[in-house]
Amino acid sequence: MNPTLTAYGALAAAIVLEVIGTTLLQKSAQFTKLLPTAGMVMFYVASFYLLSQALKGMPLGIAYAMWGGLGIVLTALISVFYLKQSLDLAALAGIALIVTGVVVMNTLSNTVSH
């Protein structure tokens, strides 16, 4: 299997698991609810494991930028649609800048495998 494809697959799964863990962090009520807290720990550990696997095929800086950036975007979407929280214009602009940065990095950087 293509190592770059494997790295991106592991990274995508790591991002999804991190977002689930972060959502459970909100639901854990500051670690006072056992099941959301246990789930949060489980999803974060799995996320970091998959992130470490992604690092076999891509540089740390690129992987972490994508993991953090896309995690922020997905977490913001979950906070709006699932947790019924709101984002103001400045927050939306900031998220748009993050998305732009990830796109620029992936399309124009010579550091990323294309």
PDB file of N, CA and C in Angstrom:
ATOM      1  N   MET A   1       0.848  -1.181   0.000  1.00  0.00           N
ATOM      2  CA  MET A   1       0.000   0.000   0.000  1.00  0.00           C
ATOM      3  C   MET A   1       0.893   1.245   0.000  1.00  0.00           C
ATOM      4  N   ASN A   2       0.415   2.285  -0.602  1.00  0.00           N
ATOM      5  CA  ASN A   2       1.146   3.541  -0.717  1.00  0.00           C
ATOM      6  C   ASN A   2       1.378   4.155   0.671  1.00  0.00           C
ATOM      7  N   PRO A   3       2.647   4.396   1.074  1.00  0.00           N
ATOM      8  CA  PRO A   3       2.920   4.940   2.413  1.00  0.00           C
ATOM      9  C   PRO A   3       2.301   6.322   2.647  1.00  0.00           C
ATOM     10  N   THR A   4       2.246   7.139   1.589  1.00  0.00           N
ATOM     11  CA  THR A   4       1.641   8.473   1.742  1.00  0.00           C
ATOM     12  C   THR A   4       0.152   8.347   1.998  1.00  0.00           C
ATOM     13  N   LEU A   5      -0.500   7.470   1.254  1.00  0.00           N
ATOM     14  CA  LEU A   5      -1.931   7.234   1.446  1.00  0.00           C
ATOM     15  C   LEU A   5      -2.207   6.675   2.837  1.00  0.00           C
ATOM     16  N   THR A   6      -1.359   5.760   3.280  1.00  0.00           N
ATOM     17  CA  THR A   6      -1.497   5.191   4.621  1.00  0.00           C
ATOM     18  C   THR A   6      -1.337   6.283   5.683  1.00  0.00           C
ATOM     19  N   ALA A   7      -0.360   7.161   5.494  1.00  0.00           N
ATOM     20  CA  ALA A   7      -0.131   8.253   6.456  1.00  0.00           C
ATOM     21  C   ALA A   7      -1.332   9.183   6.509  1.00  0.00           C
ATOM     22  N   TYR A   8      -1.865   9.554   5.342  1.00  0.00           N
ATOM     23  CA  TYR A   8      -3.031  10.439   5.322  1.00  0.00           C
ATOM     24  C   TYR A   8      -4.263   9.757   5.910  1.00  0.00           C
ATOM     25  N   GLY A   9      -4.413   8.465   5.679  1.00  0.00           N
ATOM     26  CA  GLY A   9      -5.528   7.732   6.274  1.00  0.00           C
ATOM     27  C   GLY A   9      -5.439   7.697   7.789  1.00  0.00           C
ATOM     28  N   ALA A  10      -4.228   7.417   8.298  1.00  0.00           N
ATOM     29  CA  ALA A  10      -4.025   7.416   9.751  1.00  0.00           C
ATOM     30  C   ALA A  10      -4.275   8.801  10.328  1.00  0.00           C
ATOM     31  N   LEU A  11      -3.822   9.825   9.613  1.00  0.00           N
ATOM     32  CA  LEU A  11      -4.037  11.198  10.088  1.00  0.00           C
ATOM     33  C   LEU A  11      -5.516  11.545  10.102  1.00  0.00           C
ATOM     34  N   ALA A  12      -6.245  11.181   9.054  1.00  0.00           N
ATOM     35  CA  ALA A  12      -7.684  11.456   9.012  1.00  0.00           C
ATOM     36  C   ALA A  12      -8.399  10.776  10.169  1.00  0.00           C
ATOM     37  N   ALA A  13      -8.056   9.526  10.430  1.00  0.00           N
ATOM     38  CA  ALA A  13      -8.679   8.815  11.554  1.00  0.00           C
ATOM     39  C   ALA A  13      -8.293   9.460  12.880  1.00  0.00           C
ATOM     40  N   ALA A  14      -7.038   9.894  13.005  1.00  0.00           N
ATOM     41  CA  ALA A  14      -6.594  10.566  14.237  1.00  0.00           C
ATOM     42  C   ALA A  14      -7.383  11.839  14.476  1.00  0.00           C
ATOM     43  N   ILE A  15      -7.642  12.587  13.413  1.00  0.00           N
ATOM     44  CA  ILE A  15      -8.402  13.834  13.539  1.00  0.00           C
ATOM     45  C   ILE A  15      -9.820  13.547  14.013  1.00  0.00           C
ATOM     46  N   VAL A  16     -10.460  12.571  13.398  1.00  0.00           N
ATOM     47  CA  VAL A  16     -11.837  12.226  13.781  1.00  0.00           C
ATOM     48  C   VAL A  16     -11.894  11.779  15.243  1.00  0.00           C
ATOM     49  N   LEU A  17     -10.955  10.937  15.655  1.00  0.00           N
ATOM     50  CA  LEU A  17     -10.955  10.460  17.042  1.00  0.00           C
ATOM     51  C   LEU A  17     -10.675  11.588  18.025  1.00  0.00           C
ATOM     52  N   GLU A  18      -9.802  12.517  17.648  1.00  0.00           N
ATOM     53  CA  GLU A  18      -9.515  13.668  18.518  1.00  0.00           C
ATOM     54  C   GLU A  18     -10.749  14.539  18.680  1.00  0.00           C
ATOM     55  N   VAL A  19     -11.498  14.729  17.610  1.00  0.00           N
ATOM     56  CA  VAL A  19     -12.718  15.544  17.676  1.00  0.00           C
ATOM     57  C   VAL A  19     -13.769  14.855  18.554  1.00  0.00           C
ATOM     58  N   ILE A  20     -13.896  13.560  18.439  1.00  0.00           N
ATOM     59  CA  ILE A  20     -14.823  12.829  19.314  1.00  0.00           C
ATOM     60  C   ILE A  20     -14.377  12.969  20.771  1.00  0.00           C
ATOM     61  N   GLY A  21     -13.078  12.826  21.012  1.00  0.00           N
ATOM     62  CA  GLY A  21     -12.556  12.985  22.373  1.00  0.00           C
ATOM     63  C   GLY A  21     -12.816  14.375  22.931  1.00  0.00           C
ATOM     64  N   THR A  22     -12.648  15.379  22.092  1.00  0.00           N
ATOM     65  CA  THR A  22     -12.891  16.752  22.532  1.00  0.00           C
ATOM     66  C   THR A  22     -14.368  16.981  22.829  1.00  0.00           C
ATOM     67  N   THR A  23     -15.242  16.393  22.027  1.00  0.00           N
ATOM     68  CA  THR A  23     -16.678  16.497  22.285  1.00  0.00           C
ATOM     69  C   THR A  23     -17.016  15.831  23.615  1.00  0.00           C
ATOM     70  N   LEU A  24     -16.404  14.682  23.878  1.00  0.00           N
ATOM     71  CA  LEU A  24     -16.632  14.017  25.160  1.00  0.00           C
ATOM     72  C   LEU A  24     -16.040  14.808  26.325  1.00  0.00           C
ATOM     73  N   LEU A  25     -14.977  15.556  26.062  1.00  0.00           N
ATOM     74  CA  LEU A  25     -14.428  16.436  27.107  1.00  0.00           C
ATOM     75  C   LEU A  25     -15.495  17.414  27.579  1.00  0.00           C
ATOM     76  N   GLN A  26     -16.223  17.995  26.637  1.00  0.00           N
ATOM     77  CA  GLN A  26     -17.324  18.902  26.989  1.00  0.00           C
ATOM     78  C   GLN A  26     -18.392  18.161  27.787  1.00  0.00           C
ATOM     79  N   LYS A  27     -18.699  16.943  27.359  1.00  0.00           N
ATOM     80  CA  LYS A  27     -19.752  16.152  28.012  1.00  0.00           C
ATOM     81  C   LYS A  27     -19.319  15.579  29.362  1.00  0.00           C
ATOM     82  N   SER A  28     -18.006  15.571  29.646  1.00  0.00           N
ATOM     83  CA  SER A  28     -17.521  14.986  30.897  1.00  0.00           C
ATOM     84  C   SER A  28     -17.816  15.854  32.112  1.00  0.00           C
ATOM     85  N   ALA A  29     -18.242  17.097  31.886  1.00  0.00           N
ATOM     86  CA  ALA A  29     -18.545  18.032  32.972  1.00  0.00           C
ATOM     87  C   ALA A  29     -17.374  18.129  33.949  1.00  0.00           C
ATOM     88  N   GLN A  30     -16.226  18.537  33.405  1.00  0.00           N
ATOM     89  CA  GLN A  30     -14.991  18.689  34.192  1.00  0.00           C
ATOM     90  C   GLN A  30     -14.609  17.409  34.918  1.00  0.00           C
ATOM     91  N   PHE A  31     -14.695  16.286  34.215  1.00  0.00           N
ATOM     92  CA  PHE A  31     -14.322  14.959  34.704  1.00  0.00           C
ATOM     93  C   PHE A  31     -15.223  14.446  35.835  1.00  0.00           C
ATOM     94  N   THR A  32     -16.434  14.950  35.931  1.00  0.00           N
ATOM     95  CA  THR A  32     -17.345  14.480  36.978  1.00  0.00           C
ATOM     96  C   THR A  32     -18.266  13.366  36.485  1.00  0.00           C
ATOM     97  N   LYS A  33     -18.340  13.149  35.184  1.00  0.00           N
ATOM     98  CA  LYS A  33     -19.163  12.071  34.628  1.00  0.00           C
ATOM     99  C   LYS A  33     -18.229  10.985  34.098  1.00  0.00           C
ATOM    100  N   LEU A  34     -18.361   9.791  34.659  1.00  0.00           N
ATOM    101  CA  LEU A  34     -17.412   8.713  34.403  1.00  0.00           C
ATOM    102  C   LEU A  34     -17.360   8.277  32.941  1.00  0.00           C
ATOM    103  N   LEU A  35     -18.495   7.982  32.327  1.00  0.00           N
ATOM    104  CA  LEU A  35     -18.470   7.438  30.967  1.00  0.00           C
ATOM    105  C   LEU A  35     -17.912   8.422  29.941  1.00  0.00           C
ATOM    106  N   PRO A  36     -18.359   9.676  29.930  1.00  0.00           N
ATOM    107  CA  PRO A  36     -17.736  10.603  28.971  1.00  0.00           C
ATOM    108  C   PRO A  36     -16.241  10.806  29.238  1.00  0.00           C
ATOM    109  N   THR A  37     -15.838  10.803  30.498  1.00  0.00           N
ATOM    110  CA  THR A  37     -14.421  10.969  30.832  1.00  0.00           C
ATOM    111  C   THR A  37     -13.611   9.774  30.342  1.00  0.00           C
ATOM    112  N   ALA A  38     -14.096   8.564  30.585  1.00  0.00           N
ATOM    113  CA  ALA A  38     -13.400   7.360  30.128  1.00  0.00           C
ATOM    114  C   ALA A  38     -13.340   7.316  28.599  1.00  0.00           C
ATOM    115  N   GLY A  39     -14.442   7.683  27.958  1.00  0.00           N
ATOM    116  CA  GLY A  39     -14.462   7.722  26.495  1.00  0.00           C
ATOM    117  C   GLY A  39     -13.494   8.751  25.943  1.00  0.00           C
ATOM    118  N   MET A  40     -13.432   9.904  26.593  1.00  0.00           N
ATOM    119  CA  MET A  40     -12.511  10.955  26.171  1.00  0.00           C
ATOM    120  C   MET A  40     -11.070  10.446  26.200  1.00  0.00           C
ATOM    121  N   VAL A  41     -10.686   9.816  27.291  1.00  0.00           N
ATOM    122  CA  VAL A  41      -9.323   9.291  27.428  1.00  0.00           C
ATOM    123  C   VAL A  41      -9.057   8.255  26.336  1.00  0.00           C
ATOM    124  N   MET A  42      -9.990   7.356  26.114  1.00  0.00           N
ATOM    125  CA  MET A  42      -9.834   6.308  25.117  1.00  0.00           C
ATOM    126  C   MET A  42      -9.663   6.901  23.711  1.00  0.00           C
ATOM    127  N   PHE A  43     -10.505   7.873  23.369  1.00  0.00           N
ATOM    128  CA  PHE A  43     -10.412   8.474  22.040  1.00  0.00           C
ATOM    129  C   PHE A  43      -9.140   9.295  21.868  1.00  0.00           C
ATOM    130  N   TYR A  44      -8.715  10.009  22.909  1.00  0.00           N
ATOM    131  CA  TYR A  44      -7.460  10.764  22.811  1.00  0.00           C
ATOM    132  C   TYR A  44      -6.259   9.832  22.650  1.00  0.00           C
ATOM    133  N   VAL A  45      -6.205   8.755  23.404  1.00  0.00           N
ATOM    134  CA  VAL A  45      -5.092   7.810  23.286  1.00  0.00           C
ATOM    135  C   VAL A  45      -5.067   7.211  21.877  1.00  0.00           C
ATOM    136  N   ALA A  46      -6.213   6.797  21.372  1.00  0.00           N
ATOM    137  CA  ALA A  46      -6.276   6.242  20.021  1.00  0.00           C
ATOM    138  C   ALA A  46      -5.873   7.285  18.979  1.00  0.00           C
ATOM    139  N   SER A  47      -6.280   8.514  19.193  1.00  0.00           N
ATOM    140  CA  SER A  47      -5.926   9.590  18.273  1.00  0.00           C
ATOM    141  C   SER A  47      -4.421   9.816  18.226  1.00  0.00           C
ATOM    142  N   PHE A  48      -3.790   9.875  19.391  1.00  0.00           N
ATOM    143  CA  PHE A  48      -2.340  10.077  19.426  1.00  0.00           C
ATOM    144  C   PHE A  48      -1.599   8.879  18.829  1.00  0.00           C
ATOM    145  N   TYR A  49      -2.119   7.687  19.027  1.00  0.00           N
ATOM    146  CA  TYR A  49      -1.493   6.515  18.417  1.00  0.00           C
ATOM    147  C   TYR A  49      -1.524   6.641  16.893  1.00  0.00           C
ATOM    148  N   LEU A  50      -2.700   6.979  16.344  1.00  0.00           N
ATOM    149  CA  LEU A  50      -2.808   7.111  14.896  1.00  0.00           C
ATOM    150  C   LEU A  50      -1.991   8.284  14.372  1.00  0.00           C
ATOM    151  N   LEU A  51      -1.909   9.363  15.144  1.00  0.00           N
ATOM    152  CA  LEU A  51      -1.045  10.472  14.745  1.00  0.00           C
ATOM    153  C   LEU A  51       0.403  10.002  14.667  1.00  0.00           C
ATOM    154  N   SER A  52       0.831   9.194  15.620  1.00  0.00           N
ATOM    155  CA  SER A  52       2.205   8.677  15.598  1.00  0.00           C
ATOM    156  C   SER A  52       2.435   7.785  14.380  1.00  0.00           C
ATOM    157  N   GLN A  53       1.406   7.051  13.972  1.00  0.00           N
ATOM    158  CA  GLN A  53       1.524   6.223  12.771  1.00  0.00           C
ATOM    159  C   GLN A  53       1.614   7.080  11.513  1.00  0.00           C
ATOM    160  N   ALA A  54       0.872   8.183  11.489  1.00  0.00           N
ATOM    161  CA  ALA A  54       0.929   9.101  10.345  1.00  0.00           C
ATOM    162  C   ALA A  54       2.323   9.686  10.180  1.00  0.00           C
ATOM    163  N   LEU A  55       3.030   9.846  11.284  1.00  0.00           N
ATOM    164  CA  LEU A  55       4.367  10.444  11.236  1.00  0.00           C
ATOM    165  C   LEU A  55       5.387   9.547  10.540  1.00  0.00           C
ATOM    166  N   LYS A  56       5.037   8.305  10.283  1.00  0.00           N
ATOM    167  CA  LYS A  56       5.925   7.433   9.518  1.00  0.00           C
ATOM    168  C   LYS A  56       6.025   7.890   8.062  1.00  0.00           C
ATOM    169  N   GLY A  57       5.004   8.607   7.598  1.00  0.00           N
ATOM    170  CA  GLY A  57       4.970   8.986   6.192  1.00  0.00           C
ATOM    171  C   GLY A  57       4.886  10.464   5.913  1.00  0.00           C
ATOM    172  N   MET A  58       4.959  11.293   6.953  1.00  0.00           N
ATOM    173  CA  MET A  58       4.909  12.743   6.733  1.00  0.00           C
ATOM    174  C   MET A  58       5.628  13.463   7.862  1.00  0.00           C
ATOM    175  N   PRO A  59       6.105  14.671   7.594  1.00  0.00           N
ATOM    176  CA  PRO A  59       6.819  15.429   8.630  1.00  0.00           C
ATOM    177  C   PRO A  59       5.900  15.822   9.783  1.00  0.00           C
ATOM    178  N   LEU A  60       6.471  15.906  10.968  1.00  0.00           N
ATOM    179  CA  LEU A  60       5.715  16.264  12.171  1.00  0.00           C
ATOM    180  C   LEU A  60       4.976  17.590  12.013  1.00  0.00           C
ATOM    181  N   GLY A  61       5.655  18.609  11.533  1.00  0.00           N
ATOM    182  CA  GLY A  61       5.036  19.934  11.422  1.00  0.00           C
ATOM    183  C   GLY A  61       3.813  19.933  10.529  1.00  0.00           C
ATOM    184  N   ILE A  62       3.888  19.229   9.425  1.00  0.00           N
ATOM    185  CA  ILE A  62       2.763  19.149   8.495  1.00  0.00           C
ATOM    186  C   ILE A  62       1.623  18.356   9.123  1.00  0.00           C
ATOM    187  N   ALA A  63       1.942  17.193   9.681  1.00  0.00           N
ATOM    188  CA  ALA A  63       0.906  16.352  10.292  1.00  0.00           C
ATOM    189  C   ALA A  63       0.211  17.086  11.429  1.00  0.00           C
ATOM    190  N   TYR A  64       0.991  17.748  12.268  1.00  0.00           N
ATOM    191  CA  TYR A  64       0.400  18.415  13.421  1.00  0.00           C
ATOM    192  C   TYR A  64      -0.418  19.627  12.994  1.00  0.00           C
ATOM    193  N   ALA A  65       0.042  20.348  11.985  1.00  0.00           N
ATOM    194  CA  ALA A  65      -0.732  21.487  11.485  1.00  0.00           C
ATOM    195  C   ALA A  65      -2.085  21.029  10.944  1.00  0.00           C
ATOM    196  N   MET A  66      -2.072  19.946  10.203  1.00  0.00           N
ATOM    197  CA  MET A  66      -3.329  19.424   9.667  1.00  0.00           C
ATOM    198  C   MET A  66      -4.207  18.860  10.776  1.00  0.00           C
ATOM    199  N   TRP A  67      -3.597  18.130  11.704  1.00  0.00           N
ATOM    200  CA  TRP A  67      -4.347  17.535  12.821  1.00  0.00           C
ATOM    201  C   TRP A  67      -5.011  18.637  13.650  1.00  0.00           C
ATOM    202  N   GLY A  68      -4.233  19.644  13.984  1.00  0.00           N
ATOM    203  CA  GLY A  68      -4.775  20.741  14.786  1.00  0.00           C
ATOM    204  C   GLY A  68      -5.783  21.580  14.019  1.00  0.00           C
ATOM    205  N   GLY A  69      -5.435  21.961  12.795  1.00  0.00           N
ATOM    206  CA  GLY A  69      -6.303  22.836  12.011  1.00  0.00           C
ATOM    207  C   GLY A  69      -7.639  22.209  11.670  1.00  0.00           C
ATOM    208  N   LEU A  70      -7.596  20.996  11.135  1.00  0.00           N
ATOM    209  CA  LEU A  70      -8.848  20.335  10.779  1.00  0.00           C
ATOM    210  C   LEU A  70      -9.635  19.938  12.026  1.00  0.00           C
ATOM    211  N   GLY A  71      -8.927  19.614  13.098  1.00  0.00           N
ATOM    212  CA  GLY A  71      -9.612  19.330  14.359  1.00  0.00           C
ATOM    213  C   GLY A  71     -10.373  20.540  14.878  1.00  0.00           C
ATOM    214  N   ILE A  72      -9.764  21.723  14.740  1.00  0.00           N
ATOM    215  CA  ILE A  72     -10.432  22.967  15.154  1.00  0.00           C
ATOM    216  C   ILE A  72     -11.702  23.184  14.344  1.00  0.00           C
ATOM    217  N   VAL A  73     -11.603  23.004  13.035  1.00  0.00           N
ATOM    218  CA  VAL A  73     -12.764  23.219  12.170  1.00  0.00           C
ATOM    219  C   VAL A  73     -13.885  22.243  12.511  1.00  0.00           C
ATOM    220  N   LEU A  74     -13.561  20.971  12.614  1.00  0.00           N
ATOM    221  CA  LEU A  74     -14.592  19.973  12.920  1.00  0.00           C
ATOM    222  C   LEU A  74     -15.179  20.173  14.312  1.00  0.00           C
ATOM    223  N   THR A  75     -14.332  20.523  15.269  1.00  0.00           N
ATOM    224  CA  THR A  75     -14.829  20.781  16.624  1.00  0.00           C
ATOM    225  C   THR A  75     -15.760  21.991  16.638  1.00  0.00           C
ATOM    226  N   ALA A  76     -15.422  23.019  15.878  1.00  0.00           N
ATOM    227  CA  ALA A  76     -16.300  24.192  15.790  1.00  0.00           C
ATOM    228  C   ALA A  76     -17.645  23.819  15.185  1.00  0.00           C
ATOM    229  N   LEU A  77     -17.629  22.982  14.149  1.00  0.00           N
ATOM    230  CA  LEU A  77     -18.890  22.552  13.541  1.00  0.00           C
ATOM    231  C   LEU A  77     -19.731  21.743  14.530  1.00  0.00           C
ATOM    232  N   ILE A  78     -19.092  20.863  15.268  1.00  0.00           N
ATOM    233  CA  ILE A  78     -19.821  20.079  16.275  1.00  0.00           C
ATOM    234  C   ILE A  78     -20.369  20.983  17.365  1.00  0.00           C
ATOM    235  N   SER A  79     -19.584  21.987  17.762  1.00  0.00           N
ATOM    236  CA  SER A  79     -20.067  22.887  18.813  1.00  0.00           C
ATOM    237  C   SER A  79     -21.302  23.649  18.356  1.00  0.00           C
ATOM    238  N   VAL A  80     -21.373  23.980  17.072  1.00  0.00           N
ATOM    239  CA  VAL A  80     -22.532  24.719  16.556  1.00  0.00           C
ATOM    240  C   VAL A  80     -23.726  23.790  16.365  1.00  0.00           C
ATOM    241  N   PHE A  81     -23.529  22.672  15.680  1.00  0.00           N
ATOM    242  CA  PHE A  81     -24.663  21.835  15.286  1.00  0.00           C
ATOM    243  C   PHE A  81     -25.096  20.827  16.342  1.00  0.00           C
ATOM    244  N   TYR A  82     -24.172  20.354  17.170  1.00  0.00           N
ATOM    245  CA  TYR A  82     -24.520  19.346  18.166  1.00  0.00           C
ATOM    246  C   TYR A  82     -24.674  19.952  19.558  1.00  0.00           C
ATOM    247  N   LEU A  83     -23.755  20.823  19.932  1.00  0.00           N
ATOM    248  CA  LEU A  83     -23.793  21.404  21.274  1.00  0.00           C
ATOM    249  C   LEU A  83     -24.584  22.715  21.326  1.00  0.00           C
ATOM    250  N   LYS A  84     -25.056  23.172  20.159  1.00  0.00           N
ATOM    251  CA  LYS A  84     -25.904  24.370  20.053  1.00  0.00           C
ATOM    252  C   LYS A  84     -25.213  25.623  20.583  1.00  0.00           C
ATOM    253  N   GLN A  85     -23.909  25.725  20.343  1.00  0.00           N
ATOM    254  CA  GLN A  85     -23.156  26.919  20.702  1.00  0.00           C
ATOM    255  C   GLN A  85     -23.053  27.789  19.460  1.00  0.00           C
ATOM    256  N   SER A  86     -22.685  29.044  19.636  1.00  0.00           N
ATOM    257  CA  SER A  86     -22.628  29.932  18.477  1.00  0.00           C
ATOM    258  C   SER A  86     -21.211  30.452  18.268  1.00  0.00           C
ATOM    259  N   LEU A  87     -20.944  30.834  17.023  1.00  0.00           N
ATOM    260  CA  LEU A  87     -19.671  31.441  16.652  1.00  0.00           C
ATOM    261  C   LEU A  87     -19.947  32.826  16.077  1.00  0.00           C
ATOM    262  N   ASP A  88     -19.173  33.803  16.510  1.00  0.00           N
ATOM    263  CA  ASP A  88     -19.356  35.135  15.944  1.00  0.00           C
ATOM    264  C   ASP A  88     -18.526  35.281  14.674  1.00  0.00           C
ATOM    265  N   LEU A  89     -18.615  36.447  14.048  1.00  0.00           N
ATOM    266  CA  LEU A  89     -17.934  36.690  12.783  1.00  0.00           C
ATOM    267  C   LEU A  89     -16.418  36.554  12.911  1.00  0.00           C
ATOM    268  N   ALA A  90     -15.860  37.025  14.010  1.00  0.00           N
ATOM    269  CA  ALA A  90     -14.409  36.915  14.204  1.00  0.00           C
ATOM    270  C   ALA A  90     -13.981  35.450  14.301  1.00  0.00           C
ATOM    271  N   ALA A  91     -14.767  34.638  14.975  1.00  0.00           N
ATOM    272  CA  ALA A  91     -14.446  33.211  15.086  1.00  0.00           C
ATOM    273  C   ALA A  91     -14.520  32.545  13.717  1.00  0.00           C
ATOM    274  N   LEU A  92     -15.540  32.875  12.947  1.00  0.00           N
ATOM    275  CA  LEU A  92     -15.668  32.306  11.607  1.00  0.00           C
ATOM    276  C   LEU A  92     -14.512  32.743  10.707  1.00  0.00           C
ATOM    277  N   ALA A  93     -14.109  33.998  10.819  1.00  0.00           N
ATOM    278  CA  ALA A  93     -12.981  34.493  10.027  1.00  0.00           C
ATOM    279  C   ALA A  93     -11.696  33.761  10.411  1.00  0.00           C
ATOM    280  N   GLY A  94     -11.486  33.558  11.690  1.00  0.00           N
ATOM    281  CA  GLY A  94     -10.312  32.831  12.146  1.00  0.00           C
ATOM    282  C   GLY A  94     -10.294  31.401  11.640  1.00  0.00           C
ATOM    283  N   ILE A  95     -11.437  30.749  11.677  1.00  0.00           N
ATOM    284  CA  ILE A  95     -11.534  29.374  11.180  1.00  0.00           C
ATOM    285  C   ILE A  95     -11.269  29.350   9.674  1.00  0.00           C
ATOM    286  N   ALA A  96     -11.777  30.339   8.951  1.00  0.00           N
ATOM    287  CA  ALA A  96     -11.515  30.415   7.507  1.00  0.00           C
ATOM    288  C   ALA A  96     -10.022  30.572   7.232  1.00  0.00           C
ATOM    289  N   LEU A  97      -9.329  31.321   8.057  1.00  0.00           N
ATOM    290  CA  LEU A  97      -7.883  31.476   7.893  1.00  0.00           C
ATOM    291  C   LEU A  97      -7.160  30.155   8.145  1.00  0.00           C
ATOM    292  N   ILE A  98      -7.627  29.403   9.128  1.00  0.00           N
ATOM    293  CA  ILE A  98      -7.032  28.095   9.407  1.00  0.00           C
ATOM    294  C   ILE A  98      -7.211  27.165   8.206  1.00  0.00           C
ATOM    295  N   VAL A  99      -8.424  27.117   7.668  1.00  0.00           N
ATOM    296  CA  VAL A  99      -8.699  26.274   6.501  1.00  0.00           C
ATOM    297  C   VAL A  99      -7.825  26.708   5.325  1.00  0.00           C
ATOM    298  N   THR A 100      -7.722  28.013   5.123  1.00  0.00           N
ATOM    299  CA  THR A 100      -6.879  28.532   4.043  1.00  0.00           C
ATOM    300  C   THR A 100      -5.431  28.100   4.230  1.00  0.00           C
ATOM    301  N   GLY A 101      -4.949  28.169   5.453  1.00  0.00           N
ATOM    302  CA  GLY A 101      -3.578  27.749   5.731  1.00  0.00           C
ATOM    303  C   GLY A 101      -3.342  26.285   5.429  1.00  0.00           C
ATOM    304  N   VAL A 102      -4.279  25.422   5.796  1.00  0.00           N
ATOM    305  CA  VAL A 102      -4.138  23.992   5.532  1.00  0.00           C
ATOM    306  C   VAL A 102      -4.172  23.737   4.020  1.00  0.00           C
ATOM    307  N   VAL A 103      -5.059  24.421   3.312  1.00  0.00           N
ATOM    308  CA  VAL A 103      -5.141  24.247   1.856  1.00  0.00           C
ATOM    309  C   VAL A 103      -3.855  24.722   1.184  1.00  0.00           C
ATOM    310  N   VAL A 104      -3.365  25.894   1.568  1.00  0.00           N
ATOM    311  CA  VAL A 104      -2.123  26.422   0.987  1.00  0.00           C
ATOM    312  C   VAL A 104      -0.966  25.465   1.260  1.00  0.00           C
ATOM    313  N   MET A 105      -0.874  24.988   2.472  1.00  0.00           N
ATOM    314  CA  MET A 105       0.202  24.078   2.840  1.00  0.00           C
ATOM    315  C   MET A 105       0.155  22.812   1.988  1.00  0.00           C
ATOM    316  N   ASN A 106      -1.029  22.260   1.785  1.00  0.00           N
ATOM    317  CA  ASN A 106      -1.154  21.009   1.055  1.00  0.00           C
ATOM    318  C   ASN A 106      -1.033  21.168  -0.447  1.00  0.00           C
ATOM    319  N   THR A 107      -1.333  22.323  -0.966  1.00  0.00           N
ATOM    320  CA  THR A 107      -1.281  22.488  -2.422  1.00  0.00           C
ATOM    321  C   THR A 107       0.005  23.137  -2.906  1.00  0.00           C
ATOM    322  N   LEU A 108       0.625  23.972  -2.102  1.00  0.00           N
ATOM    323  CA  LEU A 108       1.775  24.740  -2.568  1.00  0.00           C
ATOM    324  C   LEU A 108       3.102  24.381  -1.916  1.00  0.00           C
ATOM    325  N   SER A 109       3.085  23.786  -0.745  1.00  0.00           N
ATOM    326  CA  SER A 109       4.329  23.506  -0.025  1.00  0.00           C
ATOM    327  C   SER A 109       5.075  22.336  -0.652  1.00  0.00           C
ATOM    328  N   ASN A 110       6.377  22.482  -0.766  1.00  0.00           N
ATOM    329  CA  ASN A 110       7.224  21.382  -1.236  1.00  0.00           C
ATOM    330  C   ASN A 110       7.514  20.386  -0.120  1.00  0.00           C
ATOM    331  N   THR A 111       7.142  20.724   1.107  1.00  0.00           N
ATOM    332  CA  THR A 111       7.355  19.824   2.235  1.00  0.00           C
ATOM    333  C   THR A 111       6.365  18.666   2.212  1.00  0.00           C
ATOM    334  N   VAL A 112       5.164  18.924   1.679  1.00  0.00           N
ATOM    335  CA  VAL A 112       4.105  17.924   1.649  1.00  0.00           C
ATOM    336  C   VAL A 112       4.245  17.074   0.394  1.00  0.00           C
ATOM    337  N   SER A 113       4.068  15.762   0.553  1.00  0.00           N
ATOM    338  CA  SER A 113       4.061  14.865  -0.619  1.00  0.00           C
ATOM    339  C   SER A 113       2.768  15.057  -1.376  1.00  0.00           C
ATOM    340  N   HIS A 114       2.879  15.318  -2.664  1.00  0.00           N
ATOM    341  CA  HIS A 114       1.691  15.525  -3.498  1.00  0.00           C
ATOM    342  C   HIS A 114       1.446  14.327  -4.376  1.00  0.00           C
TER     343      HIS A 114
END
